[in-house]
Structures are given as structure tokens and as C-alpha cells.
Amino acid sequence: MIEERLRALAERLRESYDPQYADTMIEEVNAGEPEVALEILLAQLDDDEVRVDPGLVDEMESLGKLLELSPQRWEVLRERTRRNP
């Protein structure tokens, strides 16, 4: 289930990144807005210029494809990760 995967992603983010990302995501998932949850997360990480672990970007991409989101956001995160090993 997508919501369960988003919650798991939020917990992974909570462990290694600012917990605000996870908190915002969980609020949207709980409100029944999984697409909004992932869109906001991707926008926040991009805006804050966060270098995200490639495994997390893989999961965001997989979820984004399932939710039929534009690949632009996770591609930016992936490119930032490649540029800053």
C-alpha cells in the first residue's frame, strides 16, 4: 500500500534528516493526500538543497511513479547526490 510505504519513508527520513520533513509528510498521508505528501517532501528537500541518500531517492522515485508525479523533483535530488558524493 502506498500510504504504508510513505510512512516508512518518513521514518527513514526522521532518522537521518530534519524531522520536519517526516512530520509534514505524515500529516498529509493521514489526511488522505499521498500525492501531496510526496510533492511537498520533494519540494522541501529541493528548496533546502538537501543531499539525499541515493536509496531514499530510489524510493521517492518509485513512489512518485506509482502516484504519477512529474519526475522533475526526484531527478533534481538525484543529480545533486551525483554532483556531491
PDB file of N, CA and C in Angstrom:
ATOM      1  N   MET A   1       0.845  -1.190   0.000  1.00  0.00           N
ATOM      2  CA  MET A   1       0.000   0.000   0.000  1.00  0.00           C
ATOM      3  C   MET A   1       0.889   1.253   0.000  1.00  0.00           C
ATOM      4  N   ILE A   2       0.544   2.209  -0.810  1.00  0.00           N
ATOM      5  CA  ILE A   2       1.361   3.410  -0.969  1.00  0.00           C
ATOM      6  C   ILE A   2       1.491   4.175   0.341  1.00  0.00           C
ATOM      7  N   GLU A   3       0.406   4.301   1.081  1.00  0.00           N
ATOM      8  CA  GLU A   3       0.455   5.055   2.344  1.00  0.00           C
ATOM      9  C   GLU A   3       1.451   4.436   3.314  1.00  0.00           C
ATOM     10  N   GLU A   4       1.496   3.106   3.359  1.00  0.00           N
ATOM     11  CA  GLU A   4       2.443   2.432   4.254  1.00  0.00           C
ATOM     12  C   GLU A   4       3.881   2.698   3.816  1.00  0.00           C
ATOM     13  N   ARG A   5       4.117   2.685   2.519  1.00  0.00           N
ATOM     14  CA  ARG A   5       5.462   2.982   2.018  1.00  0.00           C
ATOM     15  C   ARG A   5       5.851   4.430   2.306  1.00  0.00           C
ATOM     16  N   LEU A   6       4.893   5.343   2.190  1.00  0.00           N
ATOM     17  CA  LEU A   6       5.187   6.746   2.514  1.00  0.00           C
ATOM     18  C   LEU A   6       5.502   6.910   3.997  1.00  0.00           C
ATOM     19  N   ARG A   7       4.780   6.213   4.850  1.00  0.00           N
ATOM     20  CA  ARG A   7       5.062   6.273   6.290  1.00  0.00           C
ATOM     21  C   ARG A   7       6.453   5.707   6.602  1.00  0.00           C
ATOM     22  N   ALA A   8       6.802   4.612   5.944  1.00  0.00           N
ATOM     23  CA  ALA A   8       8.128   4.021   6.126  1.00  0.00           C
ATOM     24  C   ALA A   8       9.216   4.983   5.647  1.00  0.00           C
ATOM     25  N   LEU A   9       8.971   5.644   4.526  1.00  0.00           N
ATOM     26  CA  LEU A   9       9.911   6.639   4.024  1.00  0.00           C
ATOM     27  C   LEU A   9      10.064   7.772   5.024  1.00  0.00           C
ATOM     28  N   ALA A  10       8.955   8.211   5.592  1.00  0.00           N
ATOM     29  CA  ALA A  10       9.000   9.289   6.581  1.00  0.00           C
ATOM     30  C   ALA A  10       9.856   8.881   7.778  1.00  0.00           C
ATOM     31  N   GLU A  11       9.728   7.652   8.222  1.00  0.00           N
ATOM     32  CA  GLU A  11      10.530   7.183   9.359  1.00  0.00           C
ATOM     33  C   GLU A  11      12.010   7.126   9.010  1.00  0.00           C
ATOM     34  N   ARG A  12      12.321   6.726   7.799  1.00  0.00           N
ATOM     35  CA  ARG A  12      13.724   6.732   7.369  1.00  0.00           C
ATOM     36  C   ARG A  12      14.269   8.155   7.342  1.00  0.00           C
ATOM     37  N   LEU A  13      13.457   9.087   6.892  1.00  0.00           N
ATOM     38  CA  LEU A  13      13.880  10.494   6.869  1.00  0.00           C
ATOM     39  C   LEU A  13      14.071  11.022   8.285  1.00  0.00           C
ATOM     40  N   ARG A  14      13.185  10.644   9.189  1.00  0.00           N
ATOM     41  CA  ARG A  14      13.249  11.111  10.576  1.00  0.00           C
ATOM     42  C   ARG A  14      14.570  10.699  11.235  1.00  0.00           C
ATOM     43  N   GLU A  15      15.078   9.531  10.856  1.00  0.00           N
ATOM     44  CA  GLU A  15      16.312   9.010  11.453  1.00  0.00           C
ATOM     45  C   GLU A  15      17.554   9.815  11.054  1.00  0.00           C
ATOM     46  N   SER A  16      17.580  10.338   9.841  1.00  0.00           N
ATOM     47  CA  SER A  16      18.817  10.934   9.323  1.00  0.00           C
ATOM     48  C   SER A  16      18.710  12.388   8.884  1.00  0.00           C
ATOM     49  N   TYR A  17      17.504  12.925   8.853  1.00  0.00           N
ATOM     50  CA  TYR A  17      17.313  14.292   8.358  1.00  0.00           C
ATOM     51  C   TYR A  17      16.442  15.059   9.344  1.00  0.00           C
ATOM     52  N   ASP A  18      16.207  16.303   9.060  1.00  0.00           N
ATOM     53  CA  ASP A  18      15.352  17.124   9.910  1.00  0.00           C
ATOM     54  C   ASP A  18      13.974  16.469  10.028  1.00  0.00           C
ATOM     55  N   PRO A  19      13.493  16.245  11.248  1.00  0.00           N
ATOM     56  CA  PRO A  19      12.203  15.572  11.437  1.00  0.00           C
ATOM     57  C   PRO A  19      11.009  16.313  10.836  1.00  0.00           C
ATOM     58  N   GLN A  20      11.177  17.605  10.535  1.00  0.00           N
ATOM     59  CA  GLN A  20      10.068  18.354   9.938  1.00  0.00           C
ATOM     60  C   GLN A  20       9.611  17.730   8.627  1.00  0.00           C
ATOM     61  N   TYR A  21      10.552  17.154   7.871  1.00  0.00           N
ATOM     62  CA  TYR A  21      10.181  16.531   6.603  1.00  0.00           C
ATOM     63  C   TYR A  21       9.211  15.374   6.846  1.00  0.00           C
ATOM     64  N   ALA A  22       9.548  14.539   7.814  1.00  0.00           N
ATOM     65  CA  ALA A  22       8.701  13.389   8.145  1.00  0.00           C
ATOM     66  C   ALA A  22       7.366  13.853   8.706  1.00  0.00           C
ATOM     67  N   ASP A  23       7.387  14.839   9.579  1.00  0.00           N
ATOM     68  CA  ASP A  23       6.152  15.317  10.210  1.00  0.00           C
ATOM     69  C   ASP A  23       5.159  15.840   9.173  1.00  0.00           C
ATOM     70  N   THR A  24       5.638  16.648   8.255  1.00  0.00           N
ATOM     71  CA  THR A  24       4.780  17.208   7.222  1.00  0.00           C
ATOM     72  C   THR A  24       4.223  16.103   6.334  1.00  0.00           C
ATOM     73  N   MET A  25       5.075  15.157   5.994  1.00  0.00           N
ATOM     74  CA  MET A  25       4.649  14.053   5.149  1.00  0.00           C
ATOM     75  C   MET A  25       3.551  13.234   5.820  1.00  0.00           C
ATOM     76  N   ILE A  26       3.751  12.890   7.063  1.00  0.00           N
ATOM     77  CA  ILE A  26       2.774  12.078   7.796  1.00  0.00           C
ATOM     78  C   ILE A  26       1.439  12.812   7.905  1.00  0.00           C
ATOM     79  N   GLU A  27       1.476  14.113   8.138  1.00  0.00           N
ATOM     80  CA  GLU A  27       0.224  14.894   8.217  1.00  0.00           C
ATOM     81  C   GLU A  27      -0.583  14.750   6.930  1.00  0.00           C
ATOM     82  N   GLU A  28       0.076  14.862   5.797  1.00  0.00           N
ATOM     83  CA  GLU A  28      -0.618  14.772   4.517  1.00  0.00           C
ATOM     84  C   GLU A  28      -1.097  13.349   4.232  1.00  0.00           C
ATOM     85  N   VAL A  29      -0.283  12.366   4.568  1.00  0.00           N
ATOM     86  CA  VAL A  29      -0.694  10.973   4.373  1.00  0.00           C
ATOM     87  C   VAL A  29      -1.929  10.680   5.225  1.00  0.00           C
ATOM     88  N   ASN A  30      -1.898  11.128   6.486  1.00  0.00           N
ATOM     89  CA  ASN A  30      -3.034  10.905   7.386  1.00  0.00           C
ATOM     90  C   ASN A  30      -4.293  11.630   6.909  1.00  0.00           C
ATOM     91  N   ALA A  31      -4.106  12.702   6.155  1.00  0.00           N
ATOM     92  CA  ALA A  31      -5.247  13.451   5.610  1.00  0.00           C
ATOM     93  C   ALA A  31      -5.753  12.832   4.304  1.00  0.00           C
ATOM     94  N   GLY A  32      -5.136  11.716   3.903  1.00  0.00           N
ATOM     95  CA  GLY A  32      -5.573  11.056   2.674  1.00  0.00           C
ATOM     96  C   GLY A  32      -5.022  11.681   1.412  1.00  0.00           C
ATOM     97  N   GLU A  33      -3.896  12.362   1.534  1.00  0.00           N
ATOM     98  CA  GLU A  33      -3.290  13.064   0.395  1.00  0.00           C
ATOM     99  C   GLU A  33      -1.880  12.543   0.106  1.00  0.00           C
ATOM    100  N   PRO A  34      -1.738  11.288  -0.330  1.00  0.00           N
ATOM    101  CA  PRO A  34      -0.392  10.762  -0.558  1.00  0.00           C
ATOM    102  C   PRO A  34       0.392  11.508  -1.632  1.00  0.00           C
ATOM    103  N   GLU A  35      -0.295  11.935  -2.688  1.00  0.00           N
ATOM    104  CA  GLU A  35       0.395  12.676  -3.745  1.00  0.00           C
ATOM    105  C   GLU A  35       0.947  13.994  -3.207  1.00  0.00           C
ATOM    106  N   VAL A  36       0.117  14.688  -2.434  1.00  0.00           N
ATOM    107  CA  VAL A  36       0.528  15.966  -1.844  1.00  0.00           C
ATOM    108  C   VAL A  36       1.698  15.740  -0.892  1.00  0.00           C
ATOM    109  N   ALA A  37       1.641  14.653  -0.112  1.00  0.00           N
ATOM    110  CA  ALA A  37       2.716  14.348   0.840  1.00  0.00           C
ATOM    111  C   ALA A  37       4.060  14.237   0.131  1.00  0.00           C
ATOM    112  N   LEU A  38       4.092  13.485  -0.950  1.00  0.00           N
ATOM    113  CA  LEU A  38       5.353  13.299  -1.665  1.00  0.00           C
ATOM    114  C   LEU A  38       5.767  14.559  -2.405  1.00  0.00           C
ATOM    115  N   GLU A  39       4.827  15.260  -3.001  1.00  0.00           N
ATOM    116  CA  GLU A  39       5.149  16.523  -3.698  1.00  0.00           C
ATOM    117  C   GLU A  39       5.770  17.531  -2.732  1.00  0.00           C
ATOM    118  N   ILE A  40       5.173  17.673  -1.566  1.00  0.00           N
ATOM    119  CA  ILE A  40       5.699  18.619  -0.580  1.00  0.00           C
ATOM    120  C   ILE A  40       7.087  18.194  -0.132  1.00  0.00           C
ATOM    121  N   LEU A  41       7.256  16.909   0.145  1.00  0.00           N
ATOM    122  CA  LEU A  41       8.565  16.423   0.570  1.00  0.00           C
ATOM    123  C   LEU A  41       9.626  16.729  -0.483  1.00  0.00           C
ATOM    124  N   LEU A  42       9.351  16.378  -1.712  1.00  0.00           N
ATOM    125  CA  LEU A  42      10.321  16.614  -2.777  1.00  0.00           C
ATOM    126  C   LEU A  42      10.634  18.104  -2.923  1.00  0.00           C
ATOM    127  N   ALA A  43       9.623  18.938  -2.828  1.00  0.00           N
ATOM    128  CA  ALA A  43       9.830  20.385  -2.934  1.00  0.00           C
ATOM    129  C   ALA A  43      10.672  20.903  -1.774  1.00  0.00           C
ATOM    130  N   GLN A  44      10.382  20.434  -0.555  1.00  0.00           N
ATOM    131  CA  GLN A  44      11.146  20.889   0.606  1.00  0.00           C
ATOM    132  C   GLN A  44      12.616  20.484   0.490  1.00  0.00           C
ATOM    133  N   LEU A  45      12.860  19.242   0.135  1.00  0.00           N
ATOM    134  CA  LEU A  45      14.241  18.772   0.005  1.00  0.00           C
ATOM    135  C   LEU A  45      14.984  19.538  -1.083  1.00  0.00           C
ATOM    136  N   ASP A  46      14.301  19.832  -2.164  1.00  0.00           N
ATOM    137  CA  ASP A  46      14.910  20.608  -3.242  1.00  0.00           C
ATOM    138  C   ASP A  46      15.172  22.043  -2.785  1.00  0.00           C
ATOM    139  N   ASP A  47      14.169  22.673  -2.213  1.00  0.00           N
ATOM    140  CA  ASP A  47      14.314  24.066  -1.761  1.00  0.00           C
ATOM    141  C   ASP A  47      15.424  24.221  -0.729  1.00  0.00           C
ATOM    142  N   ASP A  48      15.544  23.229   0.156  1.00  0.00           N
ATOM    143  CA  ASP A  48      16.562  23.286   1.210  1.00  0.00           C
ATOM    144  C   ASP A  48      17.917  22.764   0.737  1.00  0.00           C
ATOM    145  N   GLU A  49      17.980  22.349  -0.536  1.00  0.00           N
ATOM    146  CA  GLU A  49      19.198  21.837  -1.151  1.00  0.00           C
ATOM    147  C   GLU A  49      19.816  20.696  -0.344  1.00  0.00           C
ATOM    148  N   VAL A  50      18.964  19.787   0.102  1.00  0.00           N
ATOM    149  CA  VAL A  50      19.389  18.642   0.890  1.00  0.00           C
ATOM    150  C   VAL A  50      19.985  17.587  -0.034  1.00  0.00           C
ATOM    151  N   ARG A  51      21.110  17.057   0.365  1.00  0.00           N
ATOM    152  CA  ARG A  51      21.725  15.939  -0.362  1.00  0.00           C
ATOM    153  C   ARG A  51      21.152  14.673   0.256  1.00  0.00           C
ATOM    154  N   VAL A  52      20.377  13.947  -0.522  1.00  0.00           N
ATOM    155  CA  VAL A  52      19.646  12.791  -0.030  1.00  0.00           C
ATOM    156  C   VAL A  52      20.354  11.505  -0.449  1.00  0.00           C
ATOM    157  N   ASP A  53      20.372  10.545   0.460  1.00  0.00           N
ATOM    158  CA  ASP A  53      20.936   9.227   0.192  1.00  0.00           C
ATOM    159  C   ASP A  53      20.315   8.636  -1.073  1.00  0.00           C
ATOM    160  N   PRO A  54      21.130   8.055  -1.963  1.00  0.00           N
ATOM    161  CA  PRO A  54      20.594   7.500  -3.212  1.00  0.00           C
ATOM    162  C   PRO A  54      19.478   6.473  -3.005  1.00  0.00           C
ATOM    163  N   GLY A  55      19.545   5.677  -1.955  1.00  0.00           N
ATOM    164  CA  GLY A  55      18.492   4.705  -1.690  1.00  0.00           C
ATOM    165  C   GLY A  55      17.154   5.372  -1.399  1.00  0.00           C
ATOM    166  N   LEU A  56      17.193   6.501  -0.710  1.00  0.00           N
ATOM    167  CA  LEU A  56      15.961   7.253  -0.443  1.00  0.00           C
ATOM    168  C   LEU A  56      15.419   7.872  -1.723  1.00  0.00           C
ATOM    169  N   VAL A  57      16.309   8.360  -2.569  1.00  0.00           N
ATOM    170  CA  VAL A  57      15.862   8.918  -3.845  1.00  0.00           C
ATOM    171  C   VAL A  57      15.213   7.817  -4.688  1.00  0.00           C
ATOM    172  N   ASP A  58      15.781   6.617  -4.640  1.00  0.00           N
ATOM    173  CA  ASP A  58      15.188   5.492  -5.376  1.00  0.00           C
ATOM    174  C   ASP A  58      13.751   5.246  -4.906  1.00  0.00           C
ATOM    175  N   GLU A  59      13.547   5.249  -3.592  1.00  0.00           N
ATOM    176  CA  GLU A  59      12.202   5.012  -3.061  1.00  0.00           C
ATOM    177  C   GLU A  59      11.261   6.160  -3.429  1.00  0.00           C
ATOM    178  N   MET A  60      11.750   7.393  -3.370  1.00  0.00           N
ATOM    179  CA  MET A  60      10.916   8.535  -3.762  1.00  0.00           C
ATOM    180  C   MET A  60      10.530   8.436  -5.238  1.00  0.00           C
ATOM    181  N   GLU A  61      11.481   8.028  -6.066  1.00  0.00           N
ATOM    182  CA  GLU A  61      11.186   7.866  -7.493  1.00  0.00           C
ATOM    183  C   GLU A  61      10.138   6.778  -7.707  1.00  0.00           C
ATOM    184  N   SER A  62      10.306   5.652  -7.050  1.00  0.00           N
ATOM    185  CA  SER A  62       9.356   4.558  -7.181  1.00  0.00           C
ATOM    186  C   SER A  62       7.951   4.981  -6.766  1.00  0.00           C
ATOM    187  N   LEU A  63       7.856   5.656  -5.624  1.00  0.00           N
ATOM    188  CA  LEU A  63       6.556   6.148  -5.156  1.00  0.00           C
ATOM    189  C   LEU A  63       5.999   7.211  -6.097  1.00  0.00           C
ATOM    190  N   GLY A  64       6.870   8.093  -6.555  1.00  0.00           N
ATOM    191  CA  GLY A  64       6.434   9.139  -7.477  1.00  0.00           C
ATOM    192  C   GLY A  64       5.853   8.574  -8.760  1.00  0.00           C
ATOM    193  N   LYS A  65       6.455   7.523  -9.261  1.00  0.00           N
ATOM    194  CA  LYS A  65       5.933   6.882 -10.467  1.00  0.00           C
ATOM    195  C   LYS A  65       4.578   6.247 -10.204  1.00  0.00           C
ATOM    196  N   LEU A  66       4.434   5.586  -9.054  1.00  0.00           N
ATOM    197  CA  LEU A  66       3.147   4.988  -8.697  1.00  0.00           C
ATOM    198  C   LEU A  66       2.053   6.039  -8.573  1.00  0.00           C
ATOM    199  N   LEU A  67       2.434   7.212  -8.058  1.00  0.00           N
ATOM    200  CA  LEU A  67       1.480   8.305  -7.861  1.00  0.00           C
ATOM    201  C   LEU A  67       1.348   9.181  -9.105  1.00  0.00           C
ATOM    202  N   GLU A  68       2.098   8.829 -10.153  1.00  0.00           N
ATOM    203  CA  GLU A  68       2.064   9.540 -11.433  1.00  0.00           C
ATOM    204  C   GLU A  68       2.443  11.014 -11.300  1.00  0.00           C
ATOM    205  N   LEU A  69       3.497  11.259 -10.509  1.00  0.00           N
ATOM    206  CA  LEU A  69       4.013  12.615 -10.360  1.00  0.00           C
ATOM    207  C   LEU A  69       5.056  12.888 -11.435  1.00  0.00           C
ATOM    208  N   SER A  70       5.324  14.145 -11.663  1.00  0.00           N
ATOM    209  CA  SER A  70       6.364  14.541 -12.610  1.00  0.00           C
ATOM    210  C   SER A  70       7.737  14.136 -12.059  1.00  0.00           C
ATOM    211  N   PRO A  71       8.593  13.569 -12.888  1.00  0.00           N
ATOM    212  CA  PRO A  71       9.910  13.132 -12.416  1.00  0.00           C
ATOM    213  C   PRO A  71      10.884  14.265 -12.110  1.00  0.00           C
ATOM    214  N   GLN A  72      10.527  15.484 -12.415  1.00  0.00           N
ATOM    215  CA  GLN A  72      11.456  16.603 -12.258  1.00  0.00           C
ATOM    216  C   GLN A  72      12.037  16.694 -10.848  1.00  0.00           C
ATOM    217  N   ARG A  73      11.216  16.564  -9.816  1.00  0.00           N
ATOM    218  CA  ARG A  73      11.689  16.748  -8.442  1.00  0.00           C
ATOM    219  C   ARG A  73      12.716  15.709  -8.018  1.00  0.00           C
ATOM    220  N   TRP A  74      12.420  14.429  -8.261  1.00  0.00           N
ATOM    221  CA  TRP A  74      13.394  13.442  -7.805  1.00  0.00           C
ATOM    222  C   TRP A  74      14.622  13.429  -8.697  1.00  0.00           C
ATOM    223  N   GLU A  75      14.496  13.833  -9.946  1.00  0.00           N
ATOM    224  CA  GLU A  75      15.669  13.927 -10.809  1.00  0.00           C
ATOM    225  C   GLU A  75      16.631  15.000 -10.298  1.00  0.00           C
ATOM    226  N   VAL A  76      16.087  16.099  -9.794  1.00  0.00           N
ATOM    227  CA  VAL A  76      16.933  17.158  -9.218  1.00  0.00           C
ATOM    228  C   VAL A  76      17.678  16.622  -8.000  1.00  0.00           C
ATOM    229  N   LEU A  77      16.976  15.892  -7.144  1.00  0.00           N
ATOM    230  CA  LEU A  77      17.621  15.323  -5.951  1.00  0.00           C
ATOM    231  C   LEU A  77      18.691  14.315  -6.346  1.00  0.00           C
ATOM    232  N   ARG A  78      18.396  13.497  -7.330  1.00  0.00           N
ATOM    233  CA  ARG A  78      19.379  12.501  -7.773  1.00  0.00           C
ATOM    234  C   ARG A  78      20.615  13.186  -8.358  1.00  0.00           C
ATOM    235  N   GLU A  79      20.410  14.217  -9.152  1.00  0.00           N
ATOM    236  CA  GLU A  79      21.549  14.935  -9.746  1.00  0.00           C
ATOM    237  C   GLU A  79      22.398  15.593  -8.661  1.00  0.00           C
ATOM    238  N   ARG A  80      21.768  16.158  -7.656  1.00  0.00           N
ATOM    239  CA  ARG A  80      22.517  16.779  -6.559  1.00  0.00           C
ATOM    240  C   ARG A  80      23.356  15.731  -5.838  1.00  0.00           C
ATOM    241  N   THR A  81      22.824  14.561  -5.656  1.00  0.00           N
ATOM    242  CA  THR A  81      23.546  13.475  -4.988  1.00  0.00           C
ATOM    243  C   THR A  81      24.755  13.056  -5.815  1.00  0.00           C
ATOM    244  N   ARG A  82      24.584  12.997  -7.133  1.00  0.00           N
ATOM    245  CA  ARG A  82      25.697  12.610  -8.016  1.00  0.00           C
ATOM    246  C   ARG A  82      26.792  13.666  -8.006  1.00  0.00           C
ATOM    247  N   ARG A  83      26.417  14.943  -7.957  1.00  0.00           N
ATOM    248  CA  ARG A  83      27.399  16.031  -8.007  1.00  0.00           C
ATOM    249  C   ARG A  83      28.173  16.147  -6.702  1.00  0.00           C
ATOM    250  N   ASN A  84      27.589  15.716  -5.589  1.00  0.00           N
ATOM    251  CA  ASN A  84      28.207  15.882  -4.279  1.00  0.00           C
ATOM    252  C   ASN A  84      28.353  14.539  -3.573  1.00  0.00           C
ATOM    253  N   PRO A  85      29.263  13.697  -4.062  1.00  0.00           N
ATOM    254  CA  PRO A  85      29.401  12.368  -3.455  1.00  0.00           C
ATOM    255  C   PRO A  85      29.881  12.431  -2.015  1.00  0.00           C
TER     256      PRO A  85
END
